[in-house]
């Protein structure tokens, strides 16, 4: 299927991508360490914890983030080199069109996108969970919790709950109220001083309960000191943070979104945009490959410098577009899937236009 030229292009893309990726990761770690070294020292983090509990678990996320940039730079450099050496003109003279020349580039891009998709769905979440745990202990930063107090949830079709405060690290809710309805009529209320999740029993431990059951003659009251029970809510449904999605695998995210919908919690658009963003992120590798080949396949004055400048400009616009449109998805102004996919679709159209108008 692939000839010698195709294998050469794929090998060169792989080698350049890996080199650029290692350089970017190294630079990122050095800059990040210089900024956070004071926090590490002040909070008592050891050398082993810094490099093996934090940065080692940060590398998968960095690979995910820099992969499109590394592939883009590789496409620009390799295609620009072929154009400067007049190899593209020679290939065209031999009957190989630019579309055929694009085949090994797209093959490499699809393989890279598949790897990033797998990493993002099944490897990066576990690493992110370890990294976030380290950051909460050793790096001073603002809490990313979405719900802090006065939490409202729909536990079932006819039961609602209000939590005055939930402690995420102890999985304990304080001053909890349940309201059970029968149609439009309030049938029962239950007030608790606290309830705590038991990992061993996988049950909620209720303490100091006051139950009132309403009837035609008023209500009947009963109290209890302790009771174990199950609810349609888990601690993760109460202790939501803005980084939850990045710590879950794809199947876990789908269950997480289903639990948010079931519990009636607000702010569902943010995790939906984040989920669709994870799913569509690998498409950026295909898009930048298409753009990179289309730009660098034509010889221009300035040589590689103009290619690198154009690449940096497009990368900045691409990232800016993604960040600008996300808030509209978070607020529900734009459908979450559209907010995640629109930047990729727009720059895919740009890439196709550049490829069609390039000299064949």
Protein backbone atom coordinates (compact mmCIF):
# COMPACT_ATOMS: atom_id res chain seq x y z
CA UNK A 1 0.00 0.00 0.00
CA UNK A 2 2.77 2.43 0.97
CA UNK A 3 5.81 3.01 -1.20
CA UNK A 4 9.27 4.11 -0.15
CA UNK A 5 8.34 7.83 -0.16
CA UNK A 6 5.33 7.16 2.07
CA UNK A 7 7.41 5.21 4.59
CA UNK A 8 10.04 7.95 4.59
CA UNK A 9 7.40 10.64 5.29
CA UNK A 10 5.78 8.63 8.10
CA UNK A 11 9.14 7.92 9.74
CA UNK A 12 10.23 11.56 9.51
CA UNK A 13 6.91 12.78 10.90
CA UNK A 14 7.24 10.38 13.81
CA UNK A 15 10.80 11.39 14.62
CA UNK A 16 10.17 15.14 14.36
CA UNK A 17 6.92 14.89 16.36
CA UNK A 18 8.63 12.98 19.18
CA UNK A 19 11.53 15.45 19.25
CA UNK A 20 9.24 18.51 19.35
CA UNK A 21 7.04 16.86 21.96
CA UNK A 22 9.98 16.12 24.26
CA UNK A 23 11.26 19.69 23.91
CA UNK A 24 7.84 21.17 24.71
CA UNK A 25 7.31 18.88 27.70
CA UNK A 26 10.80 19.64 29.04
CA UNK A 27 10.26 23.40 28.70
CA UNK A 28 6.83 23.15 30.32
CA UNK A 29 8.17 21.20 33.31
CA UNK A 30 11.04 23.66 33.84
CA UNK A 31 8.71 26.68 33.72
CA UNK A 32 6.07 25.01 35.89
CA UNK A 33 8.63 23.94 38.49
CA UNK A 34 10.15 27.43 38.66
CA UNK A 35 6.69 28.91 39.32
CA UNK A 36 5.61 26.35 41.94
CA UNK A 37 8.91 25.61 43.70
CA UNK A 38 8.01 27.99 46.55
CA UNK A 39 4.70 26.18 47.11
CA UNK A 40 6.49 22.83 47.12
CA UNK A 41 8.97 24.08 49.72
CA UNK A 42 6.41 25.81 51.92
CA UNK A 43 4.07 22.83 52.03
CA UNK A 44 6.81 20.25 52.67
CA UNK A 45 6.66 18.20 49.47
CA UNK A 46 9.58 15.79 49.10
CA UNK A 47 11.73 15.36 45.98
CA UNK A 48 10.15 11.96 45.29
CA UNK A 49 6.60 13.31 45.64
CA UNK A 50 7.29 16.27 43.33
CA UNK A 51 8.77 14.27 40.47
CA UNK A 52 7.02 10.92 40.79
CA UNK A 53 3.62 11.82 42.30
CA UNK A 54 3.18 15.09 40.42
CA UNK A 55 5.23 15.51 37.25
CA UNK A 56 5.23 11.83 36.31
CA UNK A 57 1.43 11.90 36.42
CA UNK A 58 1.40 15.24 34.59
CA UNK A 59 3.24 13.86 31.54
CA UNK A 60 0.20 12.04 30.00
CA UNK A 61 -1.80 15.27 30.17
CA UNK A 62 1.09 17.21 28.63
CA UNK A 63 1.38 14.65 25.82
CA UNK A 64 -2.32 15.13 25.13
CA UNK A 65 -2.02 18.92 25.10
CA UNK A 66 1.10 19.29 22.94
CA UNK A 67 0.38 16.50 20.44
CA UNK A 68 -1.49 18.73 17.92
CA UNK A 69 1.24 21.37 18.11
CA UNK A 70 4.02 18.79 17.73
CA UNK A 71 2.31 17.16 14.72
CA UNK A 72 1.65 20.58 13.19
CA UNK A 73 5.30 21.63 13.52
CA UNK A 74 6.40 18.28 12.08
CA UNK A 75 4.13 18.74 9.04
CA UNK A 76 5.36 22.29 8.46
CA UNK A 77 9.04 21.39 8.76
CA UNK A 78 8.91 18.22 6.67
CA UNK A 79 6.65 19.60 3.94
CA UNK A 80 8.64 22.85 3.83
CA UNK A 81 11.85 20.86 3.48
CA UNK A 82 10.38 18.84 0.58
CA UNK A 83 9.24 22.06 -1.10
CA UNK A 84 12.61 23.83 -0.66
CA UNK A 85 14.49 20.88 -2.15
CA UNK A 86 12.06 20.86 -5.10
CA UNK A 87 11.13 17.29 -4.21
CA UNK A 88 7.43 18.11 -4.33
CA UNK A 89 7.84 19.50 -7.85
CA UNK A 90 9.72 16.34 -8.83
CA UNK A 91 6.97 14.15 -7.39
CA UNK A 92 4.34 16.15 -9.26
CA UNK A 93 6.33 15.72 -12.47
CA UNK A 94 6.32 11.97 -11.82
CA UNK A 95 2.54 12.02 -11.68
CA UNK A 96 2.07 12.16 -7.88
CA UNK A 97 -0.49 14.83 -7.02
CA UNK A 98 -0.59 16.81 -3.81
CA UNK A 99 -3.67 14.80 -2.77
CA UNK A 100 -1.70 11.54 -3.09
CA UNK A 101 1.24 13.08 -1.27
CA UNK A 102 -1.15 13.95 1.56
CA UNK A 103 -1.98 10.25 2.14
CA UNK A 104 0.99 9.35 4.42
CA UNK A 105 0.54 12.60 6.34
CA UNK A 106 -3.11 11.79 7.03
CA UNK A 107 -2.27 8.19 7.90
CA UNK A 108 0.15 9.43 10.54
CA UNK A 109 -2.40 12.00 11.76
CA UNK A 110 -5.12 9.35 12.13
CA UNK A 111 -2.74 7.09 14.08
CA UNK A 112 -1.70 9.99 16.34
CA UNK A 113 -5.36 11.01 16.86
CA UNK A 114 -6.25 7.43 17.80
CA UNK A 115 -3.45 7.31 20.37
CA UNK A 116 -4.50 10.66 21.86
CA UNK A 117 -8.13 9.50 21.96
CA UNK A 118 -7.15 6.38 23.92
CA UNK A 119 -4.86 8.30 26.27
CA UNK A 120 -7.51 10.96 26.89
CA UNK A 121 -10.20 8.38 27.59
CA UNK A 122 -8.43 5.76 29.68
CA UNK A 123 -4.91 6.82 30.75
CA UNK A 124 -4.97 10.58 31.36
CA UNK A 125 -7.99 10.50 33.78
CA UNK A 126 -6.19 8.27 36.29
CA UNK A 127 -3.04 10.39 36.05
CA UNK A 128 -5.07 13.58 36.45
CA UNK A 129 -6.74 12.21 39.58
CA UNK A 130 -3.32 11.59 41.18
CA UNK A 131 -2.06 15.00 40.06
CA UNK A 132 -5.11 16.86 41.35
CA UNK A 133 -4.78 15.08 44.70
CA UNK A 134 -1.18 16.29 44.94
CA UNK A 135 -2.16 19.85 43.97
CA UNK A 136 -4.83 20.02 46.66
CA UNK A 137 -2.32 19.01 49.30
CA UNK A 138 0.83 20.86 48.25
CA UNK A 139 -0.13 23.69 45.90
CA UNK A 140 -2.11 26.64 47.15
CA UNK A 141 -4.90 27.28 44.69
CA UNK A 142 -8.50 28.39 44.66
CA UNK A 143 -11.05 25.66 45.14
CA UNK A 144 -12.62 24.43 41.91
CA UNK A 145 -15.76 23.13 43.59
CA UNK A 146 -18.98 23.99 41.77
CA UNK A 147 -21.34 23.34 44.72
CA UNK A 148 -20.07 24.56 48.09
CA UNK A 149 -23.14 24.96 50.29
CA UNK A 150 -26.92 25.07 50.05
CA UNK A 151 -26.95 22.12 47.67
CA UNK A 152 -30.27 21.09 46.14
CA UNK A 153 -30.80 17.70 44.51
CA UNK A 154 -33.71 15.55 43.31
CA UNK A 155 -33.09 12.17 44.93
CA UNK A 156 -35.99 10.44 43.16
CA UNK A 157 -39.08 11.30 41.14
CA UNK A 158 -40.96 12.57 44.22
CA UNK A 159 -38.22 13.24 46.75
CA UNK A 160 -36.06 16.36 46.97
CA UNK A 161 -33.21 17.17 49.30
CA UNK A 162 -31.40 20.21 50.62
CA UNK A 163 -27.89 20.09 52.11
CA UNK A 164 -26.58 23.06 54.03
CA UNK A 165 -22.92 22.00 53.65
CA UNK A 166 -21.06 19.02 52.19
CA UNK A 167 -17.46 18.17 53.12
CA UNK A 168 -15.97 16.43 50.05
CA UNK A 169 -12.91 14.91 51.74
CA UNK A 170 -14.96 13.34 54.55
CA UNK A 171 -17.97 12.53 52.32
CA UNK A 172 -20.18 14.03 55.01
CA UNK A 173 -23.25 16.24 54.60
CA UNK A 174 -24.44 18.50 57.42
CA UNK A 175 -27.98 19.73 58.18
CA UNK A 176 -29.80 17.70 55.55
CA UNK A 177 -33.49 17.93 54.71
CA UNK A 178 -35.62 15.58 52.61
CA UNK A 179 -39.04 16.48 51.21
CA UNK A 180 -41.24 13.69 49.84
CA UNK A 181 -44.31 14.61 47.77
CA UNK A 182 -47.38 12.67 46.74
CA UNK A 183 -48.55 14.52 43.66
CA UNK A 184 -48.55 18.17 44.72
CA UNK A 185 -49.04 17.31 48.39
CA UNK A 186 -46.18 17.16 50.88
CA UNK A 187 -46.27 13.67 52.39
CA UNK A 188 -43.11 13.45 54.51
CA UNK A 189 -40.10 15.47 55.69
CA UNK A 190 -36.90 14.20 57.23
CA UNK A 191 -34.24 16.34 58.89
CA UNK A 192 -30.75 15.04 59.72
CA UNK A 193 -27.92 16.62 61.63
CA UNK A 194 -25.53 14.85 59.25
CA UNK A 195 -25.17 11.91 56.91
CA UNK A 196 -21.90 10.22 55.98
CA UNK A 197 -21.02 7.87 53.13
CA UNK A 198 -19.56 4.51 54.16
CA UNK A 199 -17.15 3.10 51.57
CA UNK A 200 -17.20 -0.36 53.17
CA UNK A 201 -20.99 -0.73 53.30
CA UNK A 202 -21.66 1.51 50.28
CA UNK A 203 -24.48 3.06 52.29
CA UNK A 204 -25.32 6.43 53.81
CA UNK A 205 -25.04 6.61 57.60
CA UNK A 206 -27.83 8.90 58.84
CA UNK A 207 -27.55 10.56 62.26
CA UNK A 208 -30.07 12.31 64.53
CA UNK A 209 -33.08 12.02 62.23
CA UNK A 210 -36.42 13.73 62.72
CA UNK A 211 -39.18 12.31 60.47
CA UNK A 212 -42.61 13.90 60.05
CA UNK A 213 -45.37 12.11 58.12
CA UNK A 214 -48.32 14.30 57.19
CA UNK A 215 -51.93 13.12 57.07
CA UNK A 216 -55.41 14.59 57.18
CA UNK A 217 -55.20 15.08 60.95
CA UNK A 218 -51.81 16.78 60.94
CA UNK A 219 -48.56 14.83 61.17
CA UNK A 220 -46.89 12.00 63.05
CA UNK A 221 -43.37 12.53 64.30
CA UNK A 222 -40.64 9.98 64.92
CA UNK A 223 -36.93 10.26 65.66
CA UNK A 224 -33.89 8.02 65.38
CA UNK A 225 -30.23 8.27 66.39
CA UNK A 226 -28.69 6.24 63.60
CA UNK A 227 -29.84 4.51 60.42
CA UNK A 228 -28.12 3.03 57.35
CA UNK A 229 -29.86 3.48 54.03
CA UNK A 230 -29.32 3.85 50.29
CA UNK A 231 -30.15 6.84 48.12
CA UNK A 232 -29.98 7.43 44.40
CA UNK A 233 -27.15 9.84 45.11
CA UNK A 234 -23.45 9.20 45.61
CA UNK A 235 -20.81 11.55 47.09
CA UNK A 236 -19.64 12.49 43.60
CA UNK A 237 -23.15 13.81 42.89
CA UNK A 238 -22.72 16.29 45.73
CA UNK A 239 -19.01 17.20 45.63
CA UNK A 240 -18.81 18.36 42.03
CA UNK A 241 -15.80 20.28 40.76
CA UNK A 242 -14.96 21.91 37.45
CA UNK A 243 -12.24 19.28 36.85
CA UNK A 244 -14.37 16.15 37.42
CA UNK A 245 -14.64 15.25 33.74
CA UNK A 246 -10.86 15.31 33.29
CA UNK A 247 -10.48 12.68 36.02
CA UNK A 248 -12.98 10.20 34.57
CA UNK A 249 -12.81 7.70 31.72
CA UNK A 250 -15.33 7.91 28.89
CA UNK A 251 -17.76 5.34 30.41
CA UNK A 252 -17.45 7.03 33.81
CA UNK A 253 -18.20 10.44 32.28
CA UNK A 254 -21.39 9.12 30.69
CA UNK A 255 -22.47 7.77 34.08
CA UNK A 256 -21.50 11.06 35.72
CA UNK A 257 -23.62 13.08 33.27
CA UNK A 258 -26.53 10.68 33.76
CA UNK A 259 -26.30 11.13 37.53
CA UNK A 260 -26.34 14.94 37.17
CA UNK A 261 -29.47 14.77 35.02
CA UNK A 262 -31.10 12.30 37.41
CA UNK A 263 -30.34 14.37 40.51
CA UNK A 264 -31.59 17.61 38.96
CA UNK A 265 -28.32 19.44 39.65
CA UNK A 266 -27.62 22.62 37.74
CA UNK A 267 -24.58 23.49 35.68
CA UNK A 268 -24.76 20.41 33.47
CA UNK A 269 -23.64 22.31 30.36
CA UNK A 270 -20.06 22.69 31.59
CA UNK A 271 -19.30 18.95 31.98
CA UNK A 272 -21.11 18.25 28.71
CA UNK A 273 -18.90 20.75 26.84
CA UNK A 274 -15.84 19.27 28.54
CA UNK A 275 -16.89 15.74 27.56
CA UNK A 276 -17.56 16.61 23.94
CA UNK A 277 -14.34 18.63 23.94
CA UNK A 278 -12.41 15.50 24.96
CA UNK A 279 -14.10 13.47 22.23
CA UNK A 280 -13.45 16.02 19.47
CA UNK A 281 -9.96 17.08 20.59
CA UNK A 282 -8.14 14.42 18.49
CA UNK A 283 -9.77 15.92 15.39
CA UNK A 284 -7.44 18.90 15.82
CA UNK A 285 -4.51 16.67 14.82
CA UNK A 286 -6.20 15.86 11.51
CA UNK A 287 -7.09 19.51 10.92
CA UNK A 288 -3.62 20.93 11.62
CA UNK A 289 -2.04 18.23 9.45
CA UNK A 290 -4.23 19.26 6.55
CA UNK A 291 -3.46 22.94 7.09
CA UNK A 292 0.27 22.32 7.57
CA UNK A 293 0.67 20.39 4.31
CA UNK A 294 -1.42 22.93 2.39
CA UNK A 295 0.62 25.90 3.67
CA UNK A 296 4.12 24.43 3.44
CA UNK A 297 3.73 22.63 0.10
CA UNK A 298 4.20 25.90 -1.80
CA UNK A 299 7.61 27.60 -1.85
CA UNK A 300 7.47 31.13 -0.51
CA UNK A 301 9.94 33.92 0.11
CA UNK A 302 11.27 33.62 3.61
CA UNK A 303 11.55 29.83 3.51
CA UNK A 304 10.79 27.96 6.74
CA UNK A 305 10.51 31.20 8.69
CA UNK A 306 7.28 32.16 6.97
CA UNK A 307 5.92 28.64 7.49
CA UNK A 308 6.70 28.71 11.21
CA UNK A 309 5.17 32.20 11.55
CA UNK A 310 2.01 31.10 9.74
CA UNK A 311 1.86 27.98 11.87
CA UNK A 312 2.14 29.92 15.12
CA UNK A 313 -0.54 32.37 13.98
CA UNK A 314 -2.95 29.58 13.04
CA UNK A 315 -2.25 27.70 16.29
CA UNK A 316 -3.00 30.84 18.31
CA UNK A 317 -6.23 31.53 16.41
CA UNK A 318 -7.28 27.88 16.74
CA UNK A 319 -6.75 27.87 20.50
CA UNK A 320 -8.32 31.32 20.90
CA UNK A 321 -11.43 30.22 18.99
CA UNK A 322 -11.78 27.13 21.21
CA UNK A 323 -11.46 29.17 24.40
CA UNK A 324 -13.76 31.96 23.18
CA UNK A 325 -16.62 29.64 22.31
CA UNK A 326 -16.48 27.48 25.46
CA UNK A 327 -18.27 30.03 27.73
CA UNK A 328 -21.22 30.09 25.32
CA UNK A 329 -21.45 26.32 25.67
CA UNK A 330 -21.15 26.50 29.47
CA UNK A 331 -24.08 28.92 29.64
CA UNK A 332 -26.23 26.88 27.25
CA UNK A 333 -26.33 29.64 24.63
CA UNK A 334 -24.81 27.15 22.18
CA UNK A 335 -25.44 23.41 22.25
CA UNK A 336 -22.54 21.68 24.08
CA UNK A 337 -21.70 19.47 21.09
CA UNK A 338 -21.71 22.47 18.75
CA UNK A 339 -19.50 24.47 21.14
CA UNK A 340 -16.95 21.64 21.20
CA UNK A 341 -17.01 20.80 17.49
CA UNK A 342 -17.42 24.23 15.86
CA UNK A 343 -13.72 25.32 16.08
CA UNK A 344 -12.61 22.04 14.49
CA UNK A 345 -15.21 22.29 11.73
CA UNK A 346 -14.28 25.90 10.99
CA UNK A 347 -10.56 25.22 10.69
CA UNK A 348 -11.25 22.02 8.75
CA UNK A 349 -13.02 24.21 6.19
CA UNK A 350 -9.99 26.55 6.21
CA UNK A 351 -7.67 23.62 5.65
CA UNK A 352 -9.75 22.25 2.75
CA UNK A 353 -9.82 25.71 1.16
CA UNK A 354 -6.03 26.04 1.45
CA UNK A 355 -5.53 22.56 0.01
CA UNK A 356 -7.88 23.16 -2.93
CA UNK A 357 -6.28 26.50 -3.78
CA UNK A 358 -2.69 25.18 -3.41
CA UNK A 359 -0.73 24.43 -6.56
CA UNK A 360 -1.25 20.82 -7.51
